[in-house]
Protein backbone atom coordinates (compact mmCIF):
# COMPACT_ATOMS: atom_id res chain seq x y z
CA MET A 1 0.00 0.00 0.00
CA ILE A 2 1.29 3.45 -0.94
CA GLU A 3 1.06 5.80 2.02
CA HIS A 4 1.22 9.59 2.02
CA GLN A 5 -0.02 12.33 4.31
CA PHE A 6 -3.64 12.07 3.16
CA THR A 7 -3.82 8.27 3.56
CA PRO A 8 -4.68 8.51 7.31
CA THR A 9 -7.68 10.67 6.36
CA ILE A 10 -8.85 7.97 3.95
CA LEU A 11 -8.47 5.30 6.64
CA LYS A 12 -10.30 7.47 9.16
CA VAL A 13 -13.28 7.80 6.82
CA LEU A 14 -13.24 4.03 6.28
CA ARG A 15 -13.13 3.42 10.04
CA ASP A 16 -16.22 5.61 10.42
CA PHE A 17 -18.05 3.24 8.10
CA PHE A 18 -16.40 -0.13 8.68
CA GLY A 19 -14.71 0.08 12.06
CA ASP A 20 -11.85 -2.34 12.56
CA ASP A 21 -12.33 -3.67 9.02
CA ALA A 22 -11.22 -0.36 7.48
CA GLN A 23 -7.71 -1.53 6.58
CA ALA A 24 -8.98 -4.78 5.04
CA VAL A 25 -11.58 -2.91 2.97
CA PHE A 26 -8.94 -0.48 1.76
CA GLU A 27 -6.56 -3.23 0.69
CA ALA A 28 -9.33 -5.16 -1.07
CA SER A 29 -10.53 -2.22 -3.17
CA PRO A 30 -8.69 -1.12 -6.34
CA LEU A 31 -10.97 1.93 -6.48
CA LEU A 32 -9.99 3.10 -2.99
CA GLN A 33 -6.33 2.52 -3.81
CA TYR A 34 -6.76 4.58 -6.97
CA VAL A 35 -8.30 7.42 -4.93
CA ASN A 36 -5.35 7.10 -2.56
CA GLN A 37 -2.98 7.53 -5.52
CA LYS A 38 -4.82 10.63 -6.75
CA THR A 39 -4.96 12.40 -3.38
CA ARG A 40 -1.22 12.67 -2.83
CA ALA A 41 -1.34 16.39 -3.61
CA ALA A 42 -3.29 17.14 -0.42
CA SER A 43 -0.01 17.21 1.47
CA ARG A 44 1.96 19.14 -1.16
CA GLY A 45 0.27 22.51 -0.94
CA SER A 46 -1.21 24.52 -3.78
CA LYS A 47 1.79 24.10 -6.08
CA SER A 48 1.16 20.41 -6.87
CA ARG A 49 -1.29 18.83 -9.26
CA ALA A 50 -4.71 18.46 -7.70
CA ALA A 51 -5.99 15.69 -10.05
CA LEU A 52 -9.51 16.95 -9.41
CA GLY A 53 -10.74 16.10 -12.91
CA GLN A 54 -10.55 12.34 -12.42
CA LEU A 55 -11.72 12.49 -8.81
CA TYR A 56 -14.70 14.70 -9.64
CA ALA A 57 -15.71 12.43 -12.52
CA LEU A 58 -15.80 9.57 -10.01
CA TYR A 59 -17.55 11.75 -7.44
CA VAL A 60 -20.46 12.83 -9.65
CA ILE A 61 -21.17 9.34 -11.00
CA VAL A 62 -21.12 7.82 -7.50
CA GLU A 63 -23.20 10.72 -6.18
CA ASP A 64 -25.82 10.03 -8.85
CA TYR A 65 -25.89 6.36 -7.80
CA LEU A 66 -26.43 7.35 -4.15
CA SER A 67 -28.93 10.12 -4.85
CA LYS A 68 -31.18 7.64 -6.65
CA GLY A 69 -31.07 5.38 -3.59
CA PHE A 70 -29.53 2.38 -5.35
CA HIS A 71 -27.23 1.74 -2.38
CA GLN A 72 -30.37 0.95 -0.35
CA LYS A 73 -32.78 -0.61 -2.80
CA GLY A 74 -33.58 -1.00 -6.47
CA ASP A 75 -31.95 -2.73 -9.43
CA TYR A 76 -29.20 -0.47 -10.74
CA SER A 77 -28.72 -2.72 -13.77
CA LYS A 78 -32.12 -1.50 -15.02
CA TYR A 79 -31.35 2.19 -14.42
CA ASP A 80 -31.54 4.40 -17.52
CA GLY A 81 -28.22 5.99 -16.58
CA ALA A 82 -27.19 9.51 -15.65
CA LYS A 83 -27.35 12.17 -18.35
CA PHE A 84 -24.02 13.60 -19.45
CA GLY A 85 -25.29 17.16 -19.11
CA ASP A 86 -26.30 16.62 -15.48
CA LEU A 87 -22.95 15.06 -14.55
CA PHE A 88 -20.99 17.72 -16.41
CA LYS A 89 -22.92 20.54 -14.75
CA ARG A 90 -22.49 18.96 -11.32
CA GLN A 91 -18.70 18.54 -11.55
CA ARG A 92 -18.41 22.21 -12.48
CA GLN A 93 -20.28 23.15 -9.29
CA LEU A 94 -17.62 21.51 -7.13
CA PRO A 95 -14.67 23.47 -5.65
CA PHE A 96 -12.18 24.47 -8.41
CA GLY A 97 -14.29 22.54 -10.93
CA SER A 98 -15.96 25.32 -12.90
CA LYS A 99 -13.68 24.94 -15.93
CA LEU A 100 -13.38 21.16 -16.03
CA GLN A 101 -13.95 19.66 -19.46
CA ASN A 102 -15.64 16.46 -20.56
CA HIS A 103 -12.52 14.33 -21.01
CA HIS A 104 -12.41 13.00 -17.46
CA LEU A 105 -15.95 11.65 -17.63
CA ASN A 106 -15.51 10.26 -21.12
CA HIS A 107 -12.17 8.50 -20.97
CA ARG A 108 -9.40 9.91 -18.77
CA LEU A 109 -10.60 8.40 -15.50
CA ASN A 110 -11.07 5.00 -17.12
CA GLU A 111 -7.77 5.08 -18.98
CA GLU A 112 -5.78 6.09 -15.92
CA PHE A 113 -7.48 3.53 -13.69
CA GLU A 114 -6.59 0.82 -16.20
CA LYS A 115 -3.00 2.08 -16.24
CA PHE A 116 -2.75 1.75 -12.46
CA PHE A 117 -4.64 -1.55 -12.29
CA PRO A 118 -4.18 -3.33 -15.64
CA THR A 119 -5.13 -6.78 -14.31
CA VAL A 120 -8.46 -5.76 -12.74
CA GLY A 121 -10.25 -5.67 -16.10
CA LEU A 122 -12.91 -3.18 -14.94
CA ARG A 123 -13.60 0.47 -15.72
CA PRO A 124 -15.06 2.83 -13.09
CA ILE A 125 -17.43 4.55 -15.53
CA LEU A 126 -19.64 2.77 -18.04
CA ARG A 127 -20.94 4.82 -20.94
CA LYS A 128 -23.37 4.36 -23.84
CA HIS A 129 -22.29 6.67 -26.65
CA GLU A 130 -25.60 6.65 -28.51
CA THR A 131 -27.71 7.93 -25.60
CA ARG A 132 -24.92 9.73 -23.71
CA ARG A 133 -25.88 7.94 -20.51
CA TYR A 134 -23.43 7.02 -17.77
CA TRP A 135 -23.24 4.47 -14.95
CA VAL A 136 -20.78 3.71 -12.18
CA ASN A 137 -19.37 0.19 -12.36
CA THR A 138 -20.90 -1.33 -9.22
CA LYS A 139 -18.48 -4.25 -9.39
CA LEU A 140 -15.89 -1.78 -8.09
CA LEU A 141 -18.22 -0.52 -5.33
CA PHE A 142 -19.10 -3.87 -3.77
CA LEU A 143 -16.53 -5.90 -1.86
CA ARG A 144 -16.49 -9.10 0.16
CA ASN A 145 -15.01 -8.64 3.60
CA GLY A 146 -15.07 -11.53 6.05
CA GLY A 147 -18.06 -13.06 4.33
CA LYS A 148 -19.95 -9.75 4.36
CA LYS A 149 -20.83 -7.67 1.30
CA VAL A 150 -19.88 -4.02 1.78
CA ASN A 151 -20.53 -0.97 -0.39
CA ILE A 152 -17.87 1.76 -0.56
CA ALA A 153 -19.98 4.34 -2.44
CA GLU A 154 -20.58 6.63 0.55
CA PRO A 155 -16.98 6.50 1.79
CA ILE A 156 -15.78 7.41 -1.72
CA LEU A 157 -17.81 10.62 -1.59
CA ARG A 158 -16.64 11.52 1.93
CA ILE A 159 -12.99 10.96 0.97
CA ILE A 160 -13.17 13.13 -2.15
CA GLU A 161 -15.00 15.84 -0.19
CA ALA A 162 -12.25 15.79 2.44
CA TYR A 163 -9.61 16.02 -0.27
CA ALA A 164 -11.34 18.98 -1.94
CA LYS A 165 -11.48 20.71 1.43
CA ALA A 166 -7.76 20.08 1.94
CA ARG A 167 -7.03 21.60 -1.47
CA GLN A 168 -9.17 24.64 -0.65
CA ASN A 169 -7.24 25.10 2.58
CA ALA A 170 -3.93 24.75 0.72
CA PHE A 171 -4.95 27.37 -1.81
CA ALA A 172 -6.13 29.73 0.94
CA ARG A 173 -2.71 29.37 2.56
CA PHE A 174 -1.06 30.05 -0.80
CA LEU A 175 -3.01 33.28 -1.26
CA HIS A 176 -2.24 34.27 2.31
CA ASP A 177 1.46 33.63 1.61
CA CYS A 178 1.29 35.85 -1.48
CA GLU A 179 -0.24 38.65 0.58
CA GLU A 180 2.34 38.18 3.32
CA TRP A 181 5.22 38.22 0.81
CA GLN A 182 3.87 41.45 -0.66
CA LEU A 183 4.20 43.03 2.78
CA LEU A 184 7.67 41.57 3.28
CA GLU A 185 8.94 42.38 -0.20
CA LYS A 186 10.72 45.58 0.77
CA CYS A 187 12.39 44.16 3.88
CA ASP A 188 13.19 40.56 2.94
CA VAL A 189 13.88 40.28 -0.77
CA ALA A 190 15.75 36.98 -0.38
CA LYS A 191 12.75 35.16 1.10
CA VAL A 192 10.37 36.61 -1.48
CA LYS A 193 12.75 35.54 -4.23
CA ALA A 194 12.96 31.98 -2.85
CA PHE A 195 9.14 31.83 -2.68
CA VAL A 196 8.67 32.91 -6.31
CA LEU A 197 11.40 30.61 -7.61
CA SER A 198 9.77 27.68 -5.77
CA LEU A 199 6.71 28.27 -7.97
CA ILE A 200 8.58 27.57 -11.22
CA GLU A 201 10.25 24.31 -10.21
CA PRO A 202 9.80 21.29 -12.53
CA ASN A 203 7.39 19.54 -10.14
CA VAL A 204 4.88 22.37 -9.63
CA ASP A 205 1.35 22.27 -10.95
CA ALA A 206 1.11 23.31 -14.61
CA ARG A 207 -1.42 26.04 -13.82
CA ILE A 208 0.77 27.63 -11.15
CA PHE A 209 3.77 27.46 -13.48
CA GLU A 210 1.86 29.24 -16.25
CA ILE A 211 0.60 31.94 -13.89
CA VAL A 212 4.04 32.62 -12.38
CA SER A 213 5.73 32.52 -15.80
CA TYR A 214 3.28 35.14 -17.00
CA ALA A 215 3.81 37.34 -13.93
CA ILE A 216 7.59 37.28 -14.36
CA LEU A 217 7.60 37.81 -18.11
CA LYS A 218 4.99 40.55 -17.94
CA GLU A 219 7.19 42.62 -15.65
CA TRP A 220 10.39 41.76 -17.49
CA TYR A 221 9.06 42.80 -20.89
CA ALA A 222 7.50 45.95 -19.40
CA ALA A 223 11.04 47.22 -18.79
CA HIS A 224 11.80 46.93 -22.51
CA SER A 225 10.46 49.14 -25.24
CA VAL A 226 10.25 49.43 -29.02
CA PHE A 227 9.64 52.32 -31.39
CA PHE A 228 6.37 51.78 -33.17
CA GLY A 229 4.01 53.72 -35.41
CA LEU A 230 1.91 53.41 -38.53
CA THR A 231 3.73 56.31 -40.19
CA ARG A 232 7.12 57.97 -39.71
CA GLU A 233 5.41 60.88 -38.00
CA THR A 234 3.51 58.70 -35.50
CA VAL A 235 6.46 56.57 -34.40
CA ARG A 236 6.84 56.66 -30.64
CA GLU A 237 8.42 54.59 -27.89
CA GLU A 238 6.13 51.96 -26.39
CA SER A 239 6.74 49.47 -23.59
CA LEU A 240 6.22 45.81 -24.40
CA LEU A 241 2.91 44.70 -22.91
CA LEU A 242 2.17 41.03 -22.27
CA TYR A 243 -1.45 39.87 -22.02
CA LYS A 244 -2.79 36.55 -20.79
CA THR A 245 -5.33 35.17 -23.24
CA GLY A 246 -7.43 33.15 -20.81
CA ARG A 247 -7.38 30.51 -18.14
CA THR A 248 -4.81 27.74 -18.14
CA ASN A 249 -5.74 24.56 -20.01
CA ALA A 250 -8.35 26.58 -21.89
CA ASN A 251 -9.23 26.11 -25.54
CA ASP A 252 -7.22 29.20 -26.49
CA GLY A 253 -6.13 28.20 -29.98
CA GLY A 254 -2.54 27.48 -29.02
CA ILE A 255 -1.82 30.89 -27.46
CA ASP A 256 -1.35 31.51 -23.72
CA PHE A 257 0.12 35.04 -23.87
CA VAL A 258 0.19 37.68 -26.57
CA MET A 259 2.44 40.75 -26.72
CA ARG A 260 1.71 44.26 -27.90
CA PRO A 261 2.72 46.10 -29.98
CA VAL A 262 4.95 43.54 -31.74
CA GLY A 263 2.40 40.71 -31.89
CA ARG A 264 4.41 37.86 -30.37
CA PHE A 265 2.62 34.67 -29.35
CA PHE A 266 3.60 32.60 -26.31
CA GLN A 267 2.63 29.05 -25.41
CA VAL A 268 3.41 27.40 -22.05
CA THR A 269 4.10 23.68 -22.00
CA GLU A 270 5.57 21.03 -19.73
CA THR A 271 6.44 18.54 -22.41
CA ILE A 272 9.06 18.12 -25.12
CA ASP A 273 6.82 16.27 -27.54
CA VAL A 274 7.07 17.30 -31.18
CA ASN A 275 3.38 16.57 -31.73
CA LYS A 276 2.38 19.13 -29.10
CA TYR A 277 4.68 21.83 -30.48
CA PHE A 278 3.71 21.32 -34.11
CA LEU A 279 0.01 21.14 -33.25
CA ASP A 280 0.25 24.53 -31.51
CA ILE A 281 2.09 25.91 -34.53
CA ASP A 282 -0.55 24.57 -36.90
CA LYS A 283 -3.33 26.10 -34.77
CA VAL A 284 -2.02 29.56 -35.63
CA GLN A 285 -1.21 28.66 -39.24
CA ARG A 286 2.56 28.49 -38.72
CA TYR A 287 2.83 31.88 -37.05
CA PRO A 288 6.03 32.03 -34.93
CA ILE A 289 5.55 31.04 -31.28
CA THR A 290 7.72 31.50 -28.21
CA PHE A 291 7.49 28.38 -26.03
CA VAL A 292 7.83 28.69 -22.26
CA VAL A 293 8.90 25.20 -21.19
CA LYS A 294 8.73 23.77 -17.68
CA SER A 295 12.17 22.23 -17.97
CA VAL A 296 15.71 22.87 -16.79
CA ASP A 297 17.14 21.58 -20.08
CA THR A 298 18.86 24.26 -22.14
CA PRO A 299 16.90 25.91 -24.95
CA ASP A 300 19.36 24.47 -27.49
CA SER A 301 18.90 20.97 -26.05
CA ILE A 302 15.11 21.29 -26.18
CA ARG A 303 15.22 22.56 -29.75
CA HIS A 304 17.56 19.71 -30.73
CA ARG A 305 15.24 17.09 -29.21
CA ILE A 306 12.24 18.55 -31.02
CA ARG A 307 14.14 18.48 -34.33
CA GLU A 308 15.19 14.87 -33.77
CA GLN A 309 11.57 13.83 -33.16
CA ALA A 310 10.45 15.87 -36.17
CA ALA A 311 12.98 14.14 -38.41
CA GLU A 312 11.53 10.79 -37.33
CA LYS A 313 8.01 12.00 -38.08
CA TYR A 314 8.74 13.86 -41.32
CA PRO A 315 11.49 12.43 -43.58
CA VAL A 316 11.46 15.61 -45.70
CA GLU A 317 13.89 18.19 -44.28
CA GLU A 318 12.05 21.12 -45.85
CA ILE A 319 8.93 20.26 -43.85
CA VAL A 320 10.94 19.94 -40.63
CA ASP A 321 12.58 23.31 -41.28
CA SER A 322 9.21 24.98 -41.95
CA TYR A 323 8.03 23.96 -38.48
CA MET A 324 11.29 24.58 -36.64
CA ASN A 325 11.48 28.12 -38.05
CA CYS A 326 8.18 28.81 -36.28
CA ILE A 327 9.77 28.24 -32.87
CA GLU A 328 10.75 31.86 -32.26
CA GLU A 329 12.30 31.38 -28.82
CA ILE A 330 12.42 28.79 -26.05
CA ILE A 331 12.27 30.09 -22.49
CA ASN A 332 13.17 27.47 -19.89
CA ILE A 333 13.15 27.56 -16.08
CA PRO A 334 16.72 28.93 -15.69
CA LEU A 335 15.95 31.73 -18.14
CA LEU A 336 12.75 32.56 -16.25
CA ALA A 337 14.78 32.67 -13.02
CA GLN A 338 17.35 34.94 -14.66
CA ARG A 339 14.65 37.31 -15.86
CA TYR A 340 13.11 37.36 -12.40
CA GLU A 341 16.51 38.39 -11.03
CA GLU A 342 16.45 41.31 -13.44
CA VAL A 343 12.92 42.20 -12.33
CA ILE A 344 14.15 42.26 -8.71
CA ALA A 345 17.06 44.47 -9.72
CA GLY A 346 14.55 46.85 -11.27
CA ASN A 347 12.54 46.98 -8.01
CA ARG A 348 9.47 45.42 -9.64
CA SER A 349 9.25 42.18 -7.63
CA GLU A 350 6.20 43.39 -5.70
CA ALA A 351 4.23 43.62 -8.95
CA VAL A 352 5.10 39.96 -9.70
CA ILE A 353 3.67 38.79 -6.37
CA ALA A 354 0.53 40.89 -6.86
CA GLU A 355 0.03 39.47 -10.36
CA ILE A 356 0.48 35.90 -9.12
CA ALA A 357 -2.15 36.43 -6.43
CA MET A 358 -4.63 38.07 -8.80
CA GLN A 359 -4.24 35.52 -11.61
CA SER A 360 -4.49 32.65 -9.12
CA LYS A 361 -7.78 33.99 -7.79
CA VAL A 362 -9.13 34.18 -11.34
CA GLU A 363 -7.83 30.72 -12.22
CA TYR A 364 -9.34 29.05 -9.16
CA ASN A 365 -12.56 31.11 -9.18
CA TYR A 366 -11.65 32.70 -5.88
CA LEU A 367 -12.93 36.18 -6.76
CA GLU A 368 -16.22 36.40 -4.91
CA GLY A 369 -18.91 38.05 -6.97
CA ALA A 370 -16.54 38.56 -9.89
CA VAL A 371 -17.58 37.96 -13.47
CA SER A 372 -15.11 36.27 -15.77
CA ILE A 373 -14.12 38.38 -18.77
CA TYR A 374 -12.57 35.48 -20.66
CA LEU A 375 -13.91 33.83 -23.77
CA THR A 376 -15.18 30.93 -21.67
CA SER A 377 -18.17 33.19 -21.02
CA THR A 378 -19.55 32.14 -24.38
CA GLU A 379 -20.23 28.79 -25.90
CA ARG A 380 -21.06 27.50 -29.36
CA SER A 381 -24.63 26.30 -29.70
CA ASP A 382 -24.14 23.92 -32.60
CA CYS A 383 -21.69 22.82 -35.26
CA LYS A 384 -20.44 24.78 -38.23
CA ALA A 385 -22.40 23.21 -41.09
CA GLY A 386 -25.32 20.87 -41.67
CA ASN A 387 -28.61 20.19 -39.93
CA ALA A 388 -28.57 19.63 -36.18
CA ALA A 389 -31.61 17.36 -36.47
CA ASP A 390 -29.50 14.86 -38.44
CA PHE A 391 -27.18 14.39 -35.47
CA PRO A 392 -29.32 13.94 -32.33
CA HIS A 393 -26.43 12.38 -30.40
CA GLY A 394 -23.73 14.78 -31.45
CA ARG A 395 -21.09 15.02 -34.10
CA GLY A 396 -18.05 16.04 -32.07
CA PRO A 397 -14.82 14.04 -32.18
CA GLN A 398 -15.72 12.30 -28.91
CA GLY A 399 -19.38 11.81 -29.70
CA ASP A 400 -20.50 14.21 -27.00
CA ALA A 401 -20.81 17.57 -28.76
CA ILE A 402 -23.32 18.83 -31.30
CA ARG A 403 -21.50 21.08 -33.75
CA ILE A 404 -23.69 22.18 -36.62
CA LEU A 405 -24.88 25.80 -36.67
CA ASN A 406 -22.22 28.34 -35.88
CA PHE A 407 -24.16 30.39 -33.33
CA VAL A 408 -22.54 31.77 -30.20
CA ARG A 409 -24.55 32.68 -27.13
CA CYS A 410 -23.65 34.42 -23.90
CA VAL A 411 -23.84 32.20 -20.83
CA ARG A 412 -23.56 35.04 -18.31
CA SER A 413 -26.68 36.73 -17.03
CA GLU A 414 -24.92 39.87 -15.77
CA SER A 415 -25.24 42.96 -17.91
CA ALA A 416 -22.16 44.79 -19.16
CA LYS A 417 -21.00 47.65 -17.00
């Protein structure tokens, strides 16, 4: 059994339900062991991956099972199944879940569970593509313990709720730290510097890395200027302004940051996979992109590895060159750290901390009463061409989206100020 700092909480919940049999139930359940694997981040603070997508997919499908009373009576095998829309809406109501996508419900939870437990031969979520109905696999909920049949559905919910609470507390501490460091910035630069640099380490959560990278680069570029104008007479000096295009992991078309007035595109990534880089390049029709990479490898080394993979994928050198020429710059962790040093030297470190705190609140929906201004405030009603009536069960690549008529509607009720 893998143990970490949240494991005692899991065992405590199990003891509340099963008493002295808690340990035996835990060891007999692949699903509980999977949850144990995915809750490691509870003890790592806000900088680690929360893995809430998979856990919330499990939570909402088990919650549906319990809310219908199938743990007490009824034949679940005859149940029509939960509607995708209801499950999707519910997971977005959970803490930090408002921007979760459909992948966890559709395949990621199942695929990862099978990776951890390849010999079990069971998937946690059962799905019928044609009707878009979902069921929890009750074979993973029921266990035999000492001749007794036990159901772990309720403990699963309590454990995930406890984990979400732990993550909320960790994030609250993180925001408190940011506020404290802002106050200390003028009197203890070394500690503030160590705090910020800890947020761009290779093992931090991808969202935190993107936020902190943006905060550093925004201030670093602001100290640089260009001369710009539409005519010779209108040329004037302008500071370089970096804008964040939306939330992390959003469908942003391959752009995380954009710079004015020179029009540079930036994409943050934690991988050195040629497919990811070339896909981002294709999304913007081979427009040059600066990649901010969560790696300590040198930019030349990263570029060399991408070219090697590209040569394997495309045997024509001209094609490889056309893609490689679109990689405008590679910014790695050491370069980010160097630029942060320059920001400190320019007495702008306080602005970095403030930006990290503000962007984190937006990312984790921590701004009470705030209205998001990002493009996620709209959604497409249908697909781009054809008749929606011809595709009652969707036409999206995963069979769960209807994409016909290219309408866009606002999903916010607040009026513009």
